[in-house]
C-alpha atoms as a PDB file:
ATOM      1  CA  MET A   1      96.477 214.499 174.965  1.00  0.00           C
ATOM      2  CA  LYS A   2      93.596 213.369 172.739  1.00  0.00           C
ATOM      3  CA  VAL A   3      95.802 213.717 169.686  1.00  0.00           C
ATOM      4  CA  LEU A   4      98.409 211.423 171.260  1.00  0.00           C
ATOM      5  CA  ARG A   5      95.721 208.799 171.978  1.00  0.00           C
ATOM      6  CA  PHE A   6      94.917 208.810 168.269  1.00  0.00           C
ATOM      7  CA  LEU A   7      98.465 209.036 166.906  1.00  0.00           C
ATOM      8  CA  LEU A   8      99.929 206.126 168.877  1.00  0.00           C
ATOM      9  CA  PRO A   9      97.486 203.471 167.553  1.00  0.00           C
ATOM     10  CA  ALA A  10      97.750 204.976 164.047  1.00  0.00           C
ATOM     11  CA  ALA A  11     101.562 204.777 164.167  1.00  0.00           C
ATOM     12  CA  ILE A  12     101.464 201.167 165.397  1.00  0.00           C
ATOM     13  CA  PHE A  13      98.993 200.284 162.628  1.00  0.00           C
ATOM     14  CA  ALA A  14     101.213 201.954 160.010  1.00  0.00           C
ATOM     15  CA  ILE A  15     104.290 200.004 161.176  1.00  0.00           C
ATOM     16  CA  ILE A  16     102.412 196.690 161.075  1.00  0.00           C
ATOM     17  CA  ALA A  17     101.008 197.525 157.626  1.00  0.00           C
ATOM     18  CA  VAL A  18     104.511 198.221 156.270  1.00  0.00           C
ATOM     19  CA  PHE A  19     105.753 194.818 157.473  1.00  0.00           C
ATOM     20  CA  LEU A  20     102.727 193.040 156.006  1.00  0.00           C
ATOM     21  CA  LEU A  21     103.105 194.778 152.645  1.00  0.00           C
ATOM     22  CA  LYS A  22     106.825 193.982 152.591  1.00  0.00           C
ATOM     23  CA  GLY A  23     105.961 190.298 153.004  1.00  0.00           C
ATOM     24  CA  LEU A  24     103.836 190.415 149.848  1.00  0.00           C
ATOM     25  CA  ASP A  25     106.988 191.132 147.798  1.00  0.00           C
ATOM     26  CA  ARG A  26     108.477 187.733 148.611  1.00  0.00           C
ATOM     27  CA  ASP A  27     108.317 184.749 146.298  1.00  0.00           C
ATOM     28  CA  PRO A  28     106.759 181.890 148.304  1.00  0.00           C
ATOM     29  CA  ARG A  29     108.961 179.413 146.413  1.00  0.00           C
ATOM     30  CA  GLU A  30     112.075 181.020 147.849  1.00  0.00           C
ATOM     31  CA  LEU A  31     111.619 179.797 151.376  1.00  0.00           C
ATOM     32  CA  PRO A  32     114.750 180.357 153.383  1.00  0.00           C
ATOM     33  CA  SER A  33     116.286 177.089 154.478  1.00  0.00           C
ATOM     34  CA  PRO A  34     118.451 176.782 157.556  1.00  0.00           C
ATOM     35  CA  LEU A  35     120.229 173.932 155.718  1.00  0.00           C
ATOM     36  CA  ILE A  36     121.794 176.130 153.019  1.00  0.00           C
ATOM     37  CA  GLY A  37     125.541 176.087 153.623  1.00  0.00           C
ATOM     38  CA  LYS A  38     125.309 173.102 155.960  1.00  0.00           C
ATOM     39  CA  PRO A  39     126.011 169.402 155.402  1.00  0.00           C
ATOM     40  CA  ALA A  40     123.157 167.509 153.771  1.00  0.00           C
ATOM     41  CA  PRO A  41     121.581 165.086 156.236  1.00  0.00           C
ATOM     42  CA  ASP A  42     122.937 161.593 155.786  1.00  0.00           C
ATOM     43  CA  PHE A  43     120.623 158.632 155.342  1.00  0.00           C
ATOM     44  CA  THR A  44     120.332 155.186 153.855  1.00  0.00           C
ATOM     45  CA  LEU A  45     117.123 154.300 152.005  1.00  0.00           C
ATOM     46  CA  PRO A  46     115.953 151.427 149.800  1.00  0.00           C
ATOM     47  CA  THR A  47     115.922 152.007 146.065  1.00  0.00           C
ATOM     48  CA  VAL A  48     112.584 152.046 144.249  1.00  0.00           C
ATOM     49  CA  HIS A  49     113.644 149.593 141.554  1.00  0.00           C
ATOM     50  CA  ASP A  50     115.273 147.102 143.944  1.00  0.00           C
ATOM     51  CA  PRO A  51     113.959 147.404 147.516  1.00  0.00           C
ATOM     52  CA  ALA A  52     116.653 144.935 148.669  1.00  0.00           C
ATOM     53  CA  ALA A  53     119.321 147.467 147.606  1.00  0.00           C
ATOM     54  CA  SER A  54     119.949 150.677 149.506  1.00  0.00           C
ATOM     55  CA  TRP A  55     121.508 154.034 148.687  1.00  0.00           C
ATOM     56  CA  SER A  56     123.223 156.781 150.678  1.00  0.00           C
ATOM     57  CA  PRO A  57     124.465 160.253 149.688  1.00  0.00           C
ATOM     58  CA  GLN A  58     127.988 159.004 150.413  1.00  0.00           C
ATOM     59  CA  ALA A  59     127.802 157.322 146.987  1.00  0.00           C
ATOM     60  CA  LEU A  60     128.031 160.770 145.339  1.00  0.00           C
ATOM     61  CA  ARG A  61     130.643 162.332 147.631  1.00  0.00           C
ATOM     62  CA  GLY A  62     133.029 164.277 145.436  1.00  0.00           C
ATOM     63  CA  GLN A  63     130.335 165.122 142.857  1.00  0.00           C
ATOM     64  CA  VAL A  64     127.843 167.957 142.495  1.00  0.00           C
ATOM     65  CA  TRP A  65     124.340 166.475 142.380  1.00  0.00           C
ATOM     66  CA  LEU A  66     120.621 167.241 142.658  1.00  0.00           C
ATOM     67  CA  LEU A  67     118.150 165.699 145.065  1.00  0.00           C
ATOM     68  CA  ASN A  68     114.610 165.983 143.683  1.00  0.00           C
ATOM     69  CA  VAL A  69     111.773 165.230 146.105  1.00  0.00           C
ATOM     70  CA  TRP A  70     108.704 164.036 144.195  1.00  0.00           C
ATOM     71  CA  GLY A  71     105.729 161.687 144.317  1.00  0.00           C
ATOM     72  CA  SER A  72     103.565 159.933 141.758  1.00  0.00           C
ATOM     73  CA  TRP A  73     100.570 161.639 143.395  1.00  0.00           C
ATOM     74  CA  CYS A  74     102.088 165.106 142.792  1.00  0.00           C
ATOM     75  CA  ALA A  75     100.668 167.051 139.829  1.00  0.00           C
ATOM     76  CA  ALA A  76     103.353 169.756 140.030  1.00  0.00           C
ATOM     77  CA  CYS A  77     106.030 167.051 139.808  1.00  0.00           C
ATOM     78  CA  GLN A  78     104.706 166.140 136.365  1.00  0.00           C
ATOM     79  CA  VAL A  79     105.175 169.760 135.267  1.00  0.00           C
ATOM     80  CA  GLU A  80     108.903 169.800 136.028  1.00  0.00           C
ATOM     81  CA  HIS A  81     109.622 166.197 135.025  1.00  0.00           C
ATOM     82  CA  PRO A  82     110.346 166.880 131.303  1.00  0.00           C
ATOM     83  CA  LEU A  83     113.067 169.348 132.366  1.00  0.00           C
ATOM     84  CA  PHE A  84     114.708 166.681 134.510  1.00  0.00           C
ATOM     85  CA  ASN A  85     114.530 164.236 131.587  1.00  0.00           C
ATOM     86  CA  GLU A  86     116.359 166.813 129.412  1.00  0.00           C
ATOM     87  CA  LEU A  87     118.881 167.576 132.143  1.00  0.00           C
ATOM     88  CA  ALA A  88     119.610 163.866 132.598  1.00  0.00           C
ATOM     89  CA  ARG A  89     120.144 163.429 128.842  1.00  0.00           C
ATOM     90  CA  SER A  90     122.651 166.298 128.891  1.00  0.00           C
ATOM     91  CA  GLY A  91     124.778 164.453 131.468  1.00  0.00           C
ATOM     92  CA  THR A  92     125.416 167.715 133.354  1.00  0.00           C
ATOM     93  CA  LEU A  93     125.100 166.165 136.813  1.00  0.00           C
ATOM     94  CA  PRO A  94     123.510 163.187 138.547  1.00  0.00           C
ATOM     95  CA  ILE A  95     119.922 163.600 139.699  1.00  0.00           C
ATOM     96  CA  VAL A  96     118.688 161.525 142.619  1.00  0.00           C
ATOM     97  CA  GLY A  97     114.942 161.073 142.941  1.00  0.00           C
ATOM     98  CA  LEU A  98     113.474 160.850 146.425  1.00  0.00           C
ATOM     99  CA  ALA A  99     110.024 159.276 146.070  1.00  0.00           C
ATOM    100  CA  TRP A 100     108.316 160.884 149.047  1.00  0.00           C
ATOM    101  CA  LYS A 101     105.341 159.263 150.774  1.00  0.00           C
ATOM    102  CA  ASP A 102     104.808 157.079 147.732  1.00  0.00           C
ATOM    103  CA  LYS A 103     104.402 153.354 147.277  1.00  0.00           C
ATOM    104  CA  PRO A 104     107.357 151.947 145.285  1.00  0.00           C
ATOM    105  CA  GLU A 105     105.032 150.285 142.742  1.00  0.00           C
ATOM    106  CA  ASN A 106     103.369 153.664 142.066  1.00  0.00           C
ATOM    107  CA  SER A 107     106.765 155.327 141.708  1.00  0.00           C
ATOM    108  CA  ARG A 108     107.976 152.667 139.253  1.00  0.00           C
ATOM    109  CA  ALA A 109     104.802 152.974 137.149  1.00  0.00           C
ATOM    110  CA  TRP A 110     105.105 156.779 137.063  1.00  0.00           C
ATOM    111  CA  LEU A 111     108.757 156.614 135.940  1.00  0.00           C
ATOM    112  CA  THR A 112     107.934 154.016 133.295  1.00  0.00           C
ATOM    113  CA  LYS A 113     105.194 156.254 131.919  1.00  0.00           C
ATOM    114  CA  LEU A 114     107.017 159.627 132.075  1.00  0.00           C
ATOM    115  CA  GLY A 115     110.663 158.597 131.742  1.00  0.00           C
ATOM    116  CA  ASN A 116     113.337 158.118 134.377  1.00  0.00           C
ATOM    117  CA  PRO A 117     115.844 160.970 134.668  1.00  0.00           C
ATOM    118  CA  TYR A 118     117.257 159.714 137.971  1.00  0.00           C
ATOM    119  CA  ALA A 119     120.654 158.093 138.430  1.00  0.00           C
ATOM    120  CA  VAL A 120     118.937 156.371 141.363  1.00  0.00           C
ATOM    121  CA  THR A 121     115.458 156.652 142.831  1.00  0.00           C
ATOM    122  CA  ILE A 122     115.099 156.073 146.542  1.00  0.00           C
ATOM    123  CA  SER A 123     111.950 155.423 148.525  1.00  0.00           C
ATOM    124  CA  ASP A 124     111.052 157.561 151.541  1.00  0.00           C
ATOM    125  CA  GLU A 125     107.583 156.127 152.017  1.00  0.00           C
ATOM    126  CA  PRO A 126     107.365 157.079 155.723  1.00  0.00           C
ATOM    127  CA  GLY A 127     108.738 160.578 154.973  1.00  0.00           C
ATOM    128  CA  ARG A 128     111.416 160.637 157.681  1.00  0.00           C
ATOM    129  CA  VAL A 129     114.314 161.702 155.444  1.00  0.00           C
ATOM    130  CA  ALA A 130     112.186 164.467 153.917  1.00  0.00           C
ATOM    131  CA  ILE A 131     111.608 165.797 157.436  1.00  0.00           C
ATOM    132  CA  ASP A 132     115.394 165.895 157.991  1.00  0.00           C
ATOM    133  CA  TYR A 133     115.704 167.993 154.815  1.00  0.00           C
ATOM    134  CA  GLY A 134     112.922 170.340 155.935  1.00  0.00           C
ATOM    135  CA  VAL A 135     110.632 169.411 153.039  1.00  0.00           C
ATOM    136  CA  TYR A 136     107.334 171.318 153.021  1.00  0.00           C
ATOM    137  CA  GLY A 137     105.815 169.519 150.039  1.00  0.00           C
ATOM    138  CA  ALA A 138     106.598 168.088 146.655  1.00  0.00           C
ATOM    139  CA  PRO A 139     108.333 168.988 144.495  1.00  0.00           C
ATOM    140  CA  GLU A 140     111.409 170.353 146.207  1.00  0.00           C
ATOM    141  CA  THR A 141     114.917 170.303 144.796  1.00  0.00           C
ATOM    142  CA  PHE A 142     118.282 170.557 146.544  1.00  0.00           C
ATOM    143  CA  LEU A 143     121.694 171.168 144.966  1.00  0.00           C
ATOM    144  CA  ILE A 144     124.485 169.468 146.894  1.00  0.00           C
ATOM    145  CA  ASP A 145     128.174 170.207 146.309  1.00  0.00           C
ATOM    146  CA  ARG A 146     131.222 167.920 146.226  1.00  0.00           C
ATOM    147  CA  GLN A 147     131.675 168.094 149.998  1.00  0.00           C
ATOM    148  CA  GLY A 148     128.038 167.200 150.684  1.00  0.00           C
ATOM    149  CA  ILE A 149     126.958 170.766 151.514  1.00  0.00           C
ATOM    150  CA  ILE A 150     123.507 171.986 150.468  1.00  0.00           C
ATOM    151  CA  ARG A 151     124.027 175.025 148.235  1.00  0.00           C
ATOM    152  CA  PHE A 152     120.533 175.628 146.851  1.00  0.00           C
ATOM    153  CA  LYS A 153     116.938 174.725 147.636  1.00  0.00           C
ATOM    154  CA  HIS A 154     113.865 175.336 145.519  1.00  0.00           C
ATOM    155  CA  VAL A 155     110.282 174.734 146.591  1.00  0.00           C
ATOM    156  CA  GLY A 156     107.850 173.988 143.774  1.00  0.00           C
ATOM    157  CA  PRO A 157     108.405 172.911 140.196  1.00  0.00           C
ATOM    158  CA  ILE A 158     111.695 173.801 138.539  1.00  0.00           C
ATOM    159  CA  THR A 159     111.083 176.015 135.503  1.00  0.00           C
ATOM    160  CA  ALA A 160     113.182 176.356 132.361  1.00  0.00           C
ATOM    161  CA  GLU A 161     114.051 179.940 133.396  1.00  0.00           C
ATOM    162  CA  LEU A 162     115.145 178.916 136.887  1.00  0.00           C
ATOM    163  CA  LEU A 163     117.208 176.075 135.456  1.00  0.00           C
ATOM    164  CA  ARG A 164     118.873 178.317 132.857  1.00  0.00           C
ATOM    165  CA  ASP A 165     119.343 181.490 134.910  1.00  0.00           C
ATOM    166  CA  LYS A 166     120.059 180.253 138.412  1.00  0.00           C
ATOM    167  CA  LEU A 167     120.559 176.524 138.849  1.00  0.00           C
ATOM    168  CA  LEU A 168     122.861 175.635 135.920  1.00  0.00           C
ATOM    169  CA  PRO A 169     125.203 178.622 136.489  1.00  0.00           C
ATOM    170  CA  LEU A 170     125.518 177.548 140.122  1.00  0.00           C
ATOM    171  CA  VAL A 171     126.153 173.933 139.052  1.00  0.00           C
ATOM    172  CA  ARG A 172     128.930 175.071 136.696  1.00  0.00           C
ATOM    173  CA  GLN A 173     130.472 177.241 139.416  1.00  0.00           C
ATOM    174  CA  LEU A 174     130.443 174.371 141.923  1.00  0.00           C
ATOM    175  CA  GLN A 175     131.824 171.881 139.407  1.00  0.00           C
ATOM    176  CA  ALA A 176     134.682 174.263 138.543  1.00  0.00           C
ATOM    177  CA  SER A 177     135.721 174.753 142.165  1.00  0.00           C
END
Protein backbone atom coordinates (compact mmCIF):
# COMPACT_ATOMS: atom_id res chain seq x y z
CA MET A 1 0.00 0.00 0.00
CA LYS A 2 2.86 2.39 0.83
CA VAL A 3 4.43 1.68 -2.54
CA LEU A 4 1.19 2.64 -4.30
CA ARG A 5 1.07 5.94 -2.36
CA PHE A 6 4.51 6.72 -3.75
CA LEU A 7 4.02 5.42 -7.29
CA LEU A 8 0.81 7.30 -8.07
CA PRO A 9 2.24 10.82 -7.45
CA ALA A 10 5.47 9.81 -9.24
CA ALA A 11 3.50 8.60 -12.28
CA ILE A 12 1.42 11.80 -12.37
CA PHE A 13 4.60 13.88 -12.11
CA ALA A 14 6.22 11.90 -14.94
CA ILE A 15 3.20 12.42 -17.22
CA ILE A 16 3.16 16.17 -16.55
CA ALA A 17 6.92 16.38 -17.12
CA VAL A 18 6.59 14.66 -20.51
CA PHE A 19 3.97 17.18 -21.64
CA LEU A 20 6.06 20.12 -20.43
CA LEU A 21 9.19 18.84 -22.18
CA LYS A 22 7.22 18.23 -25.38
CA GLY A 23 6.16 21.89 -25.32
CA LEU A 24 9.81 22.98 -25.32
CA ASP A 25 10.22 21.46 -28.80
CA ARG A 26 7.80 23.94 -30.35
CA ASP A 27 8.86 27.07 -32.18
CA PRO A 28 7.07 29.99 -30.50
CA ARG A 29 6.82 31.74 -33.88
CA GLU A 30 4.65 28.94 -35.22
CA LEU A 31 1.59 29.75 -33.20
CA PRO A 32 -1.38 27.83 -34.48
CA SER A 33 -4.02 30.14 -35.88
CA PRO A 34 -7.68 29.22 -36.00
CA LEU A 35 -7.89 31.46 -39.10
CA ILE A 36 -5.73 29.23 -41.32
CA GLY A 37 -8.02 27.83 -44.01
CA LYS A 38 -10.75 30.35 -43.24
CA PRO A 39 -11.76 33.59 -44.97
CA ALA A 40 -9.65 36.59 -44.02
CA PRO A 41 -11.68 39.06 -41.96
CA ASP A 42 -13.02 41.85 -44.11
CA PHE A 43 -12.47 45.48 -43.19
CA THR A 44 -12.17 48.96 -44.58
CA LEU A 45 -9.39 51.19 -43.23
CA PRO A 46 -7.90 54.57 -44.17
CA THR A 47 -4.63 54.55 -46.06
CA VAL A 48 -1.54 55.97 -44.37
CA HIS A 49 -0.57 58.22 -47.27
CA ASP A 50 -4.08 59.60 -47.85
CA PRO A 51 -6.31 59.31 -44.76
CA ALA A 52 -9.30 60.45 -46.87
CA ALA A 53 -8.91 57.30 -49.00
CA SER A 54 -9.79 53.85 -47.71
CA TRP A 55 -8.82 50.30 -48.63
CA SER A 56 -10.43 46.88 -48.27
CA PRO A 57 -9.13 43.36 -49.00
CA GLN A 58 -11.79 43.14 -51.72
CA ALA A 59 -9.39 45.23 -53.85
CA LEU A 60 -7.08 42.19 -54.13
CA ARG A 61 -9.73 39.49 -54.60
CA GLY A 62 -8.45 37.14 -57.27
CA GLN A 63 -4.79 37.68 -56.32
CA VAL A 64 -2.43 36.02 -53.86
CA TRP A 65 -1.13 38.67 -51.46
CA LEU A 66 0.64 39.27 -48.14
CA LEU A 67 -0.65 41.25 -45.20
CA ASN A 68 2.26 42.46 -43.05
CA VAL A 69 1.38 43.85 -39.62
CA TRP A 70 4.04 46.32 -38.48
CA GLY A 71 4.63 49.54 -36.58
CA SER A 72 7.23 52.29 -36.65
CA TRP A 73 7.82 51.58 -32.95
CA CYS A 74 8.67 47.92 -33.69
CA ALA A 75 12.38 47.04 -33.73
CA ALA A 76 11.77 43.54 -35.14
CA CYS A 77 9.85 45.10 -38.04
CA GLN A 78 13.04 46.89 -39.08
CA VAL A 79 14.84 43.53 -39.22
CA GLU A 80 12.45 42.04 -41.78
CA HIS A 81 11.83 45.24 -43.75
CA PRO A 82 14.77 44.86 -46.21
CA LEU A 83 13.36 41.46 -47.24
CA PHE A 84 9.99 43.03 -48.00
CA ASN A 85 11.73 45.75 -50.03
CA GLU A 86 13.45 43.01 -52.10
CA LEU A 87 10.24 41.02 -52.44
CA ALA A 88 8.38 44.12 -53.64
CA ARG A 89 11.08 44.84 -56.24
CA SER A 90 10.74 41.28 -57.55
CA GLY A 91 7.04 41.86 -58.27
CA THR A 92 6.18 38.36 -56.99
CA LEU A 93 3.00 39.44 -55.20
CA PRO A 94 1.41 42.52 -53.66
CA ILE A 95 2.29 43.28 -50.06
CA VAL A 96 -0.17 45.24 -47.95
CA GLY A 97 1.20 46.97 -44.87
CA LEU A 98 -1.04 47.23 -41.83
CA ALA A 99 0.40 49.98 -39.62
CA TRP A 100 -0.75 48.71 -36.24
CA LYS A 101 -1.26 51.04 -33.29
CA ASP A 102 0.83 53.66 -35.04
CA LYS A 103 0.25 57.31 -35.83
CA PRO A 104 0.06 57.81 -39.63
CA GLU A 105 2.75 60.53 -39.54
CA ASN A 106 5.14 58.11 -37.79
CA SER A 107 4.33 55.39 -40.32
CA ARG A 108 4.96 57.74 -43.27
CA ALA A 109 8.30 58.89 -41.80
CA TRP A 110 9.40 55.29 -41.20
CA LEU A 111 8.54 54.27 -44.79
CA THR A 112 10.31 57.33 -46.19
CA LYS A 113 13.43 56.44 -44.22
CA LEU A 114 13.48 52.65 -44.81
CA GLY A 115 11.71 52.33 -48.16
CA ASN A 116 8.12 51.44 -48.97
CA PRO A 117 7.56 47.87 -50.16
CA TYR A 118 3.78 48.06 -49.77
CA ALA A 119 1.29 48.27 -52.63
CA VAL A 120 -0.84 50.08 -50.04
CA THR A 121 -0.31 50.88 -46.38
CA ILE A 122 -3.38 51.03 -44.19
CA SER A 123 -3.72 52.50 -40.72
CA ASP A 124 -5.13 50.44 -37.85
CA GLU A 125 -4.31 52.95 -35.14
CA PRO A 126 -6.97 51.65 -32.70
CA GLY A 127 -5.93 48.03 -33.40
CA ARG A 128 -9.41 46.64 -34.05
CA VAL A 129 -8.62 44.91 -37.36
CA ALA A 130 -5.50 43.34 -35.84
CA ILE A 131 -7.72 41.84 -33.13
CA ASP A 132 -9.94 40.31 -35.85
CA TYR A 133 -6.82 38.69 -37.35
CA GLY A 134 -5.70 37.38 -33.95
CA VAL A 135 -2.51 39.46 -33.92
CA TYR A 136 -0.35 38.89 -30.84
CA GLY A 137 2.28 41.51 -31.68
CA ALA A 138 4.26 43.01 -34.50
CA PRO A 139 5.49 41.85 -36.87
CA GLU A 140 3.04 39.24 -38.08
CA THR A 141 2.53 38.21 -41.68
CA PHE A 142 -0.44 36.52 -43.36
CA LEU A 143 -0.56 34.94 -46.82
CA ILE A 144 -4.00 35.24 -48.40
CA ASP A 145 -5.04 33.30 -51.51
CA ARG A 146 -7.13 34.32 -54.53
CA GLN A 147 -10.40 33.48 -52.79
CA GLY A 148 -9.51 35.53 -49.70
CA ILE A 149 -8.59 32.52 -47.54
CA ILE A 150 -5.71 32.78 -45.06
CA ARG A 151 -3.18 30.09 -46.00
CA PHE A 152 -0.20 30.99 -43.81
CA LYS A 153 0.58 33.01 -40.71
CA HIS A 154 3.98 33.85 -39.26
CA VAL A 155 4.61 35.56 -35.94
CA GLY A 156 7.86 37.51 -35.71
CA PRO A 157 10.21 38.79 -38.37
CA ILE A 158 10.29 37.00 -41.71
CA THR A 159 13.77 35.60 -42.37
CA ALA A 160 15.47 34.95 -45.70
CA GLU A 161 15.30 31.19 -44.99
CA LEU A 162 11.59 31.26 -44.19
CA LEU A 163 10.92 33.33 -47.30
CA ARG A 164 12.96 31.02 -49.54
CA ASP A 165 12.02 27.64 -48.05
CA LYS A 166 8.41 28.05 -46.99
CA LEU A 167 6.67 31.24 -48.02
CA LEU A 168 7.72 31.63 -51.68
CA PRO A 169 7.05 27.95 -52.55
CA LEU A 170 3.58 28.33 -51.06
CA VAL A 171 3.05 31.58 -53.00
CA ARG A 172 4.02 29.85 -56.26
CA GLN A 173 1.71 26.92 -55.50
CA LEU A 174 -1.22 29.24 -54.77
CA GLN A 175 -0.57 31.38 -57.84
CA ALA A 176 -0.48 28.27 -60.05
CA SER A 177 -3.81 26.95 -58.78
